[in-house]
Protein backbone atom coordinates (compact mmCIF):
# COMPACT_ATOMS: atom_id res chain seq x y z
CA MET A 1 11.73 32.03 -4.10
CA SER A 2 15.12 30.66 -3.16
CA ILE A 3 16.27 27.44 -2.48
CA GLU A 4 17.18 28.40 1.58
CA LYS A 5 13.91 29.83 1.34
CA GLU A 6 12.01 27.02 0.06
CA ARG A 7 13.68 24.23 2.62
CA LEU A 8 12.71 26.77 5.57
CA ARG A 9 9.55 26.55 4.60
CA TYR A 10 9.34 22.72 4.14
CA SER A 11 10.97 21.97 7.67
CA ASP A 12 8.17 24.73 9.19
CA LYS A 13 5.39 22.65 8.04
CA ILE A 14 6.94 19.67 9.53
CA ARG A 15 7.25 21.37 12.85
CA LEU A 16 3.26 21.98 12.41
CA ILE A 17 2.42 18.25 12.30
CA SER A 18 -0.01 17.51 14.72
CA ARG A 19 0.91 15.41 18.01
CA ASP A 20 -2.25 12.51 16.40
CA ALA A 21 -0.30 12.85 12.85
CA ARG A 22 2.74 12.20 14.21
CA LEU A 23 1.44 8.78 16.04
CA THR A 24 -0.29 7.74 12.60
CA ILE A 25 3.04 7.96 11.44
CA VAL A 26 5.12 5.91 13.95
CA SER A 27 2.06 3.24 13.51
CA TRP A 28 3.21 2.68 10.39
CA MET A 29 6.47 2.62 10.48
CA PHE A 30 5.71 -0.37 12.67
CA TYR A 31 3.13 -1.83 10.52
CA ALA A 32 6.21 -1.04 7.41
CA PHE A 33 9.13 -3.24 9.51
CA ALA A 34 6.86 -6.33 10.21
CA PHE A 35 5.31 -6.40 6.45
CA GLY A 36 9.14 -5.78 5.47
CA ILE A 37 10.20 -8.76 7.02
CA ASN A 38 6.65 -10.44 5.17
CA ASP A 39 7.29 -9.42 2.07
CA VAL A 40 10.71 -11.27 1.66
CA LEU A 41 10.11 -14.50 3.30
CA PHE A 42 5.99 -15.34 3.34
CA ASN A 43 6.11 -16.71 -0.01
CA LEU A 44 9.44 -18.44 0.19
CA TYR A 45 8.07 -19.66 3.13
CA LEU A 46 5.40 -21.18 1.71
CA LEU A 47 6.86 -22.28 -1.47
CA GLU A 48 10.02 -24.20 0.98
CA ALA A 49 6.49 -26.45 2.56
CA GLY A 50 5.74 -27.81 -0.77
CA TYR A 51 2.83 -25.27 -1.64
CA GLY A 52 3.07 -23.89 -5.66
CA GLU A 53 2.58 -20.72 -6.95
CA ASP A 54 -0.78 -20.87 -8.27
CA PHE A 55 -1.98 -21.28 -4.94
CA LEU A 56 -0.38 -19.00 -3.71
CA GLY A 57 -1.81 -16.89 -5.87
CA PHE A 58 -5.02 -18.10 -5.51
CA PHE A 59 -4.30 -17.20 -1.04
CA LEU A 60 -3.25 -13.70 -1.31
CA SER A 61 -6.40 -13.39 -3.52
CA ILE A 62 -8.45 -14.08 -0.60
CA SER A 63 -7.81 -11.32 1.99
CA MET A 64 -8.29 -8.41 -1.37
CA PHE A 65 -11.57 -10.61 -2.27
CA LEU A 66 -13.05 -10.02 1.32
CA THR A 67 -11.66 -6.58 1.49
CA GLY A 68 -13.01 -6.26 -1.37
CA GLY A 69 -16.61 -6.87 -0.40
CA LEU A 70 -16.57 -5.38 3.02
CA ALA A 71 -15.40 -1.86 1.58
CA ILE A 72 -18.32 -0.54 1.15
CA VAL A 73 -19.83 -1.36 4.13
CA ALA A 74 -17.14 -0.67 5.86
CA GLY A 75 -16.72 2.71 4.85
CA ILE A 76 -20.08 3.28 6.07
CA ILE A 77 -19.84 2.20 9.08
CA ALA A 78 -17.05 4.47 9.66
CA ASP A 79 -17.97 7.27 8.39
CA ARG A 80 -20.70 6.66 11.48
CA TYR A 81 -18.50 6.24 14.03
CA SER A 82 -15.05 6.69 15.48
CA ARG A 83 -12.66 5.90 13.01
CA LYS A 84 -9.72 5.34 16.04
CA LYS A 85 -11.88 3.13 17.69
CA ILE A 86 -12.21 1.01 14.33
CA LEU A 87 -8.76 1.12 13.27
CA LEU A 88 -7.81 -0.77 16.88
CA VAL A 89 -10.38 -3.00 16.51
CA SER A 90 -9.20 -4.52 12.73
CA ASN A 91 -5.36 -3.73 13.16
CA THR A 92 -5.73 -6.04 16.42
CA ILE A 93 -7.91 -8.69 13.79
CA ILE A 94 -4.56 -8.72 11.45
CA PHE A 95 -2.20 -9.38 14.35
CA ILE A 96 -4.57 -12.32 15.10
CA GLY A 97 -4.62 -13.21 11.81
CA PHE A 98 -1.07 -13.03 11.41
CA PHE A 99 0.05 -14.85 14.26
CA ILE A 100 -1.86 -18.04 12.84
CA GLN A 101 -0.67 -17.50 9.58
CA TYR A 102 2.73 -17.68 10.77
CA SER A 103 2.34 -20.78 13.46
CA THR A 104 1.10 -23.37 11.12
CA LEU A 105 0.82 -24.70 7.74
CA THR A 106 -2.74 -26.34 7.86
CA PRO A 107 -4.21 -25.34 4.62
CA ILE A 108 -7.82 -24.53 6.27
CA TYR A 109 -6.03 -22.60 9.02
CA LEU A 110 -3.90 -20.41 6.75
CA LEU A 111 -7.66 -19.46 4.91
CA PHE A 112 -8.79 -18.75 8.65
CA SER A 113 -5.93 -16.42 9.13
CA GLN A 114 -6.53 -14.66 5.21
CA LEU A 115 -10.23 -14.07 6.28
CA LEU A 116 -9.07 -12.04 9.51
CA TYR A 117 -6.56 -10.36 7.39
CA GLY A 118 -8.65 -9.44 4.56
CA ILE A 119 -11.79 -8.71 7.65
CA GLY A 120 -8.85 -6.31 9.57
CA TYR A 121 -7.96 -4.74 6.00
CA GLY A 122 -11.65 -3.95 4.79
CA PHE A 123 -11.79 -2.13 8.08
CA ASN A 124 -8.69 -0.45 8.21
CA GLY A 125 -8.08 0.60 4.82
CA VAL A 126 -10.79 2.65 4.44
CA CYS A 127 -10.07 4.90 7.79
CA TRP A 128 -6.11 5.25 7.71
CA GLN A 129 -6.50 8.57 5.00
CA PRO A 130 -10.14 9.74 6.49
CA TYR A 131 -8.99 9.34 10.47
CA THR A 132 -5.23 11.22 8.85
CA THR A 133 -7.30 14.45 7.03
CA SER A 134 -9.56 14.91 10.76
CA VAL A 135 -6.36 15.46 12.45
CA THR A 136 -4.25 17.85 9.83
CA THR A 137 -4.81 21.19 8.46
CA GLY A 138 -4.78 22.57 4.62
CA GLN A 139 -0.77 23.59 5.39
CA GLU A 140 0.20 20.25 6.58
CA ARG A 141 -1.55 17.68 4.98
CA VAL A 142 0.69 16.54 2.12
CA HIS A 143 3.87 16.39 3.42
CA VAL A 144 1.69 14.50 6.33
CA PHE A 145 1.39 12.04 3.78
CA SER A 146 4.02 12.26 1.98
CA VAL A 147 6.22 12.47 4.90
CA ARG A 148 4.39 9.35 6.46
CA PHE A 149 4.48 6.88 3.93
CA ALA A 150 8.72 8.17 3.68
CA PHE A 151 9.19 7.13 7.00
CA TYR A 152 7.16 3.50 6.01
CA LEU A 153 9.24 3.34 3.10
CA VAL A 154 11.99 3.73 5.61
CA ALA A 155 11.46 1.13 8.57
CA SER A 156 9.94 -1.49 5.25
CA LEU A 157 13.71 -0.90 4.17
CA LEU A 158 14.85 -1.95 7.81
CA GLY A 159 12.78 -4.69 7.67
CA SER A 160 13.51 -6.12 4.52
CA LEU A 161 17.45 -5.91 5.39
CA VAL A 162 16.55 -7.65 9.06
CA GLY A 163 13.86 -10.40 6.84
CA GLY A 164 16.79 -11.57 4.30
CA PHE A 165 19.42 -12.03 7.00
CA LEU A 166 17.48 -13.70 9.87
CA PRO A 167 17.03 -16.49 8.69
CA THR A 168 21.15 -17.68 8.13
CA LEU A 169 20.73 -16.49 11.48
CA PHE A 170 18.52 -18.48 13.38
CA SER A 171 20.39 -21.22 11.53
CA SER A 172 24.05 -20.46 12.23
CA LEU A 173 22.56 -19.96 15.80
CA GLY A 174 21.03 -23.47 15.76
CA LEU A 175 17.68 -22.32 16.61
CA ALA A 176 16.60 -23.66 13.43
CA VAL A 177 16.85 -27.49 12.59
CA ASN A 178 15.87 -26.27 8.36
CA LEU A 179 15.15 -23.71 6.15
CA LEU A 180 11.44 -24.16 6.36
CA SER A 181 11.96 -23.66 10.68
CA ALA A 182 14.24 -20.87 9.91
CA TYR A 183 11.53 -18.85 8.03
CA ARG A 184 8.75 -19.80 10.08
CA LEU A 185 11.05 -18.03 13.46
CA SER A 186 11.94 -15.21 11.64
CA LEU A 187 8.26 -14.19 10.60
CA TRP A 188 7.24 -14.72 14.29
CA MET A 189 9.72 -11.92 14.62
CA ALA A 190 7.22 -9.47 12.85
CA LEU A 191 4.54 -10.04 14.93
CA ILE A 192 6.62 -7.83 17.57
CA PRO A 193 5.92 -4.84 15.39
CA ILE A 194 2.87 -4.91 14.10
CA GLY A 195 1.65 -5.39 17.75
CA LEU A 196 3.25 -2.34 18.55
CA SER A 197 1.75 -1.02 15.47
CA VAL A 198 -1.91 -1.57 17.20
CA ILE A 199 -0.26 -0.36 20.68
CA SER A 200 0.50 2.93 18.98
CA ILE A 201 -3.26 3.91 17.88
CA ILE A 202 -4.62 3.25 21.61
CA PRO A 203 -2.84 7.43 22.87
CA MET A 204 -4.70 8.70 19.17
CA LYS A 205 -7.25 11.06 19.67
CA THR A 206 -10.55 10.40 19.15
CA ASP A 207 -12.27 11.17 16.41
CA ARG A 208 -15.88 13.16 17.15
CA VAL A 209 -18.89 10.33 15.55
CA ALA A 210 -20.46 12.70 12.26
CA LYS A 211 -24.82 13.05 12.94
CA LYS A 212 -26.19 9.42 12.95
CA ARG A 213 -27.77 8.42 10.28
CA SER A 214 -29.31 5.91 8.48
CA PHE A 215 -27.22 2.92 6.53
CA GLY A 216 -27.15 3.66 2.88
CA PHE A 217 -25.39 5.89 0.83
CA SER A 218 -27.25 10.03 1.54
CA ASN A 219 -23.97 11.37 2.96
CA VAL A 220 -22.29 10.63 -0.18
CA ILE A 221 -22.21 13.77 -2.44
CA HIS A 222 -19.22 14.02 -4.77
CA ARG A 223 -20.03 10.88 -6.25
CA ARG A 224 -19.11 11.90 -10.24
CA PHE A 225 -15.76 12.53 -8.21
CA ILE A 226 -15.95 9.19 -6.54
CA GLY A 227 -16.93 7.43 -9.64
CA LYS A 228 -14.16 8.49 -12.23
CA TYR A 229 -11.37 7.59 -9.74
CA ALA A 230 -12.55 4.46 -8.51
CA LEU A 231 -12.62 3.56 -11.98
CA ALA A 232 -9.18 4.69 -12.65
CA TRP A 233 -8.44 3.29 -9.56
CA THR A 234 -9.10 -0.10 -10.33
CA VAL A 235 -7.70 -1.06 -13.83
CA SER A 236 -4.41 0.35 -12.18
CA GLY A 237 -5.20 -2.36 -9.08
CA LEU A 238 -5.73 -5.01 -11.47
CA GLY A 239 -2.41 -4.51 -13.48
CA ALA A 240 -1.15 -4.07 -9.79
CA GLY A 241 -2.12 -7.65 -8.78
CA MET A 242 -0.59 -9.42 -10.87
CA PHE A 243 3.18 -8.39 -10.07
CA VAL A 244 3.00 -6.79 -6.71
CA HIS A 245 2.97 -9.47 -4.37
CA PHE A 246 5.04 -11.69 -6.08
CA PHE A 247 8.70 -9.43 -6.74
CA ASN A 248 10.57 -12.36 -4.71
CA VAL A 249 9.29 -15.48 -6.01
CA PHE A 250 10.26 -13.34 -9.54
CA PHE A 251 13.55 -12.59 -8.61
CA ASN A 252 14.17 -16.43 -7.17
CA LEU A 253 13.01 -18.34 -10.04
CA ALA A 254 14.01 -15.79 -13.35
CA PHE A 255 17.31 -14.83 -11.58
CA ALA A 256 18.08 -17.81 -8.65
CA ALA A 257 18.55 -15.35 -6.28
CA ASP A 258 18.39 -15.73 -2.76
CA GLU A 259 16.56 -14.56 0.25
CA VAL A 260 19.63 -12.44 1.08
CA THR A 261 20.16 -11.00 -1.83
CA ILE A 262 16.13 -10.14 -2.24
CA GLY A 263 16.58 -8.63 1.17
CA ILE A 264 19.14 -6.13 -0.04
CA ILE A 265 17.17 -5.61 -3.39
CA PHE A 266 14.19 -4.49 -1.58
CA ALA A 267 15.87 -2.66 0.52
CA ILE A 268 17.58 -0.07 -1.81
CA ASN A 269 13.90 -0.19 -3.65
CA THR A 270 12.67 1.04 -0.08
CA LEU A 271 15.38 3.54 0.16
CA VAL A 272 15.46 5.19 -3.27
CA MET A 273 11.39 5.79 -2.94
CA ALA A 274 11.77 6.66 1.15
CA ILE A 275 14.28 10.09 -0.72
CA GLY A 276 11.52 9.77 -3.06
CA ASN A 277 8.85 11.03 -0.80
CA PHE A 278 10.72 13.31 1.22
CA THR A 279 11.09 15.39 -1.88
CA SER A 280 7.16 14.87 -3.10
CA PRO A 281 5.73 17.55 -1.22
CA ALA A 282 8.66 20.07 -2.51
CA ILE A 283 7.58 18.35 -5.89
CA VAL A 284 4.02 19.29 -5.46
CA ASP A 285 5.34 22.83 -4.63
CA ARG A 286 6.30 23.21 -7.83
CA PHE A 287 4.14 20.71 -10.19
CA GLY A 288 1.30 21.12 -8.00
CA LYS A 289 -1.02 17.58 -7.51
CA LEU A 290 -2.18 17.02 -10.52
CA GLY A 291 0.54 17.35 -12.70
CA THR A 292 3.19 15.22 -9.92
CA ILE A 293 0.22 12.73 -10.79
CA ILE A 294 -0.22 12.40 -14.07
CA TRP A 295 3.72 13.14 -14.81
CA PHE A 296 5.61 10.82 -12.32
CA GLN A 297 2.66 7.52 -13.40
CA ILE A 298 4.15 7.96 -16.72
CA PHE A 299 7.25 7.82 -15.80
CA SER A 300 7.10 4.99 -14.31
CA ILE A 301 6.03 2.90 -16.96
CA PRO A 302 8.79 2.09 -19.90
CA PHE A 303 10.20 0.48 -16.32
CA LEU A 304 7.14 -2.10 -16.10
CA PHE A 305 8.34 -2.89 -19.77
CA LEU A 306 12.39 -3.37 -19.14
CA LEU A 307 11.16 -5.76 -16.42
CA SER A 308 9.53 -7.92 -18.53
CA TRP A 309 12.48 -7.99 -21.15
CA SER A 310 15.27 -7.95 -18.17
CA PRO A 311 17.82 -10.37 -19.00
CA VAL A 312 19.65 -10.67 -16.04
CA LEU A 313 19.31 -9.63 -12.46
CA TYR A 314 20.86 -5.99 -12.47
CA ILE A 315 18.88 -4.80 -15.30
CA GLY A 316 15.59 -6.53 -13.32
CA VAL A 317 16.79 -4.70 -10.48
CA ILE A 318 16.77 -1.34 -12.32
CA GLY A 319 13.26 -1.98 -13.24
CA TYR A 320 12.18 -2.77 -10.75
CA VAL A 321 13.85 0.42 -8.17
CA SER A 322 12.71 2.95 -10.99
CA ARG A 323 9.06 2.34 -11.55
CA ALA A 324 8.58 1.55 -7.85
CA LEU A 325 10.49 5.47 -7.39
CA PHE A 326 8.39 7.18 -9.59
CA MET A 327 4.40 5.05 -9.12
CA ASN A 328 5.46 5.82 -5.54
CA ILE A 329 6.05 9.51 -5.38
CA ALA A 330 2.65 10.28 -6.73
CA TRP A 331 0.74 7.71 -4.32
CA PRO A 332 0.45 9.91 -1.27
CA VAL A 333 -0.43 12.80 -3.67
CA MET A 334 -3.27 10.91 -4.74
CA ASP A 335 -4.52 10.17 -1.61
CA VAL A 336 -4.36 13.68 -0.59
CA PHE A 337 -5.64 14.69 -4.17
CA TYR A 338 -9.06 11.92 -3.20
CA MET A 339 -9.94 13.40 0.31
CA GLU A 340 -9.50 16.66 -0.58
CA GLY A 341 -12.08 16.33 -3.05
CA LEU A 342 -14.64 15.17 -0.62
CA GLU A 343 -16.08 16.22 2.64
CA ASN A 344 -15.78 14.67 5.78
CA GLU A 345 -18.58 13.10 6.40
CA GLU A 346 -18.26 10.84 3.23
CA GLN A 347 -14.86 10.24 2.99
CA ALA A 348 -15.02 6.64 4.55
CA THR A 349 -17.45 5.44 2.32
CA ALA A 350 -15.51 7.13 -0.61
CA MET A 351 -12.83 5.00 0.64
CA GLY A 352 -14.89 2.06 0.45
CA VAL A 353 -15.79 2.90 -3.09
CA ILE A 354 -11.74 2.60 -4.51
CA ASN A 355 -11.34 -0.25 -2.56
CA THR A 356 -13.71 -2.33 -3.91
CA GLY A 357 -12.36 -1.20 -6.87
CA ASP A 358 -8.98 -2.09 -6.06
CA SER A 359 -9.42 -5.22 -4.29
CA LEU A 360 -11.29 -7.23 -6.42
CA SER A 361 -9.23 -6.64 -8.99
CA ARG A 362 -5.79 -6.62 -7.62
CA ALA A 363 -7.22 -10.16 -6.52
CA ILE A 364 -8.13 -11.30 -9.95
CA GLY A 365 -4.65 -9.91 -11.10
CA LEU A 366 -3.43 -12.42 -7.99
CA ASN A 367 -4.66 -15.55 -9.30
CA ILE A 368 -3.79 -14.11 -12.99
CA GLY A 369 -0.16 -13.55 -12.06
CA GLY A 370 -0.23 -17.17 -10.07
CA MET A 371 -1.54 -19.14 -12.45
CA LEU A 372 1.46 -17.09 -15.41
CA LEU A 373 4.17 -17.79 -12.64
CA ALA A 374 3.69 -21.85 -12.46
CA SER A 375 3.44 -21.72 -16.14
CA GLY A 376 6.87 -20.34 -16.36
CA PHE A 377 5.62 -16.77 -17.62
CA LEU A 378 7.66 -15.21 -15.37
CA ARG A 379 8.15 -11.82 -16.96
CA ALA A 380 4.04 -11.95 -18.98
CA PRO A 381 2.52 -10.07 -15.77
CA TYR A 382 5.05 -6.62 -15.63
CA PHE A 383 4.06 -6.61 -19.88
CA LEU A 384 0.22 -6.50 -19.36
CA ALA A 385 0.55 -4.57 -16.10
CA GLY A 386 2.54 -1.98 -18.11
CA ILE A 387 -0.73 -1.85 -20.58
CA LEU A 388 -3.54 -1.69 -17.39
CA TYR A 389 -1.43 1.16 -15.91
CA ALA A 390 -1.45 3.04 -19.26
CA VAL A 391 -4.62 2.89 -19.43
CA SER A 392 -5.72 3.96 -16.16
CA ILE A 393 -3.62 6.88 -16.26
CA ILE A 394 -5.44 7.73 -19.72
CA LEU A 395 -9.30 7.27 -17.37
CA PHE A 396 -7.24 9.95 -15.40
CA ILE A 397 -5.99 12.40 -17.50
CA VAL A 398 -9.22 12.42 -19.35
CA PHE A 399 -11.27 12.57 -16.25
CA PHE A 400 -8.68 15.44 -14.12
CA GLY A 401 -6.07 16.08 -15.79
CA GLY A 402 -7.93 19.10 -18.01
CA LYS A 403 -7.62 21.72 -15.23
CA THR A 404 -4.56 23.45 -14.90
CA LYS A 405 -5.25 24.17 -11.01
CA GLU A 406 -6.93 21.64 -8.26
CA SER A 407 -8.83 24.67 -7.19
CA GLU A 408 -10.62 24.49 -10.87
CA TYR A 409 -11.35 21.40 -10.44
CA LYS A 410 -13.10 21.64 -7.40
CA SER A 411 -15.31 24.26 -7.90
CA GLU A 412 -16.71 22.03 -11.32
CA VAL A 413 -17.47 19.32 -8.99
CA GLY A 414 -18.93 21.74 -6.64
CA ARG A 415 -21.27 22.94 -9.21
CA ASN A 416 -21.98 19.71 -10.98
CA GLU A 417 -22.53 17.52 -7.52
């Protein structure tokens, strides 16, 4: 097939994206812009307030533990009620949690805000992918998941740039009396796009409620498939928890990078990832879903080890950007692979299973990473995470890599479950 025809097919599939799928893209973009600001500033905000890295790891892990504890129950509920309505309520709870989080430094209120975030994300995390699957066709689905994540990254890029420059802006305008208040004013700005993300859910089509059934796992058909996928995901989640939330702290402590520099680094990273995700559908057409998932995760691992060694900032940035590029090309494809291996009535419960494993393992990883940073072992989390990512990929290959085509695996799932 010629390049011209390939591009035409890509553009045709983009035009096929439905109104409701486009609204999910818009909602994700607002959410990502807010988190671009948050990711650059919030950890620095708590450190500036006098909290240590070990407290930071514990604080961030609270929502993860709660999300993990709620995820399966949330998934069971979401397979029985409207996922759109659950998304609206859960994202409103997240907004309230962040409003509290950005407005007080009292430990008890900070902890309460993380509990709210954990509850909101516990339900949010099990609904987005099944809802999106329900409003897309197989012909457009890879494009929707990939393009949505690409636009998510573009919005995150803009948020990172804005987050890096906002504290300086508020200080130069005389609106902030010190760095701490400059951080707080900047974080308050993130509440605007979070609110718009909630509002953009309202016009989405209400999905059909599945036939009511008693609570439990009677609706779960592909149990072995879910268990295998969840195990591989949980192992990588433990590794991710050690470092993903600490990049701004790492660059600040290891290389004395300020918030402007960190914002620029985050922006470069998200730009490169967005470009990668726009090309993801074409990569899937060439290598298939399984090939894309396996090989691009493998490509990401050497750069984690590069981060664990990086003696100077530019080498750390190369490792950071390259790891994220390859890993995040695979990520939306993994979501499609998982959703397409399941029936509609079990998808949210199945998301609950993997979110439980992922959130609990990330929570443990957050505490380990926070303690390592507080002890001065700034690069150790990347080395340990590289080992865990390698184990996760080996598990994925053992479980799913023996089939050359997705249809072969799905036919086997149908026979064995």
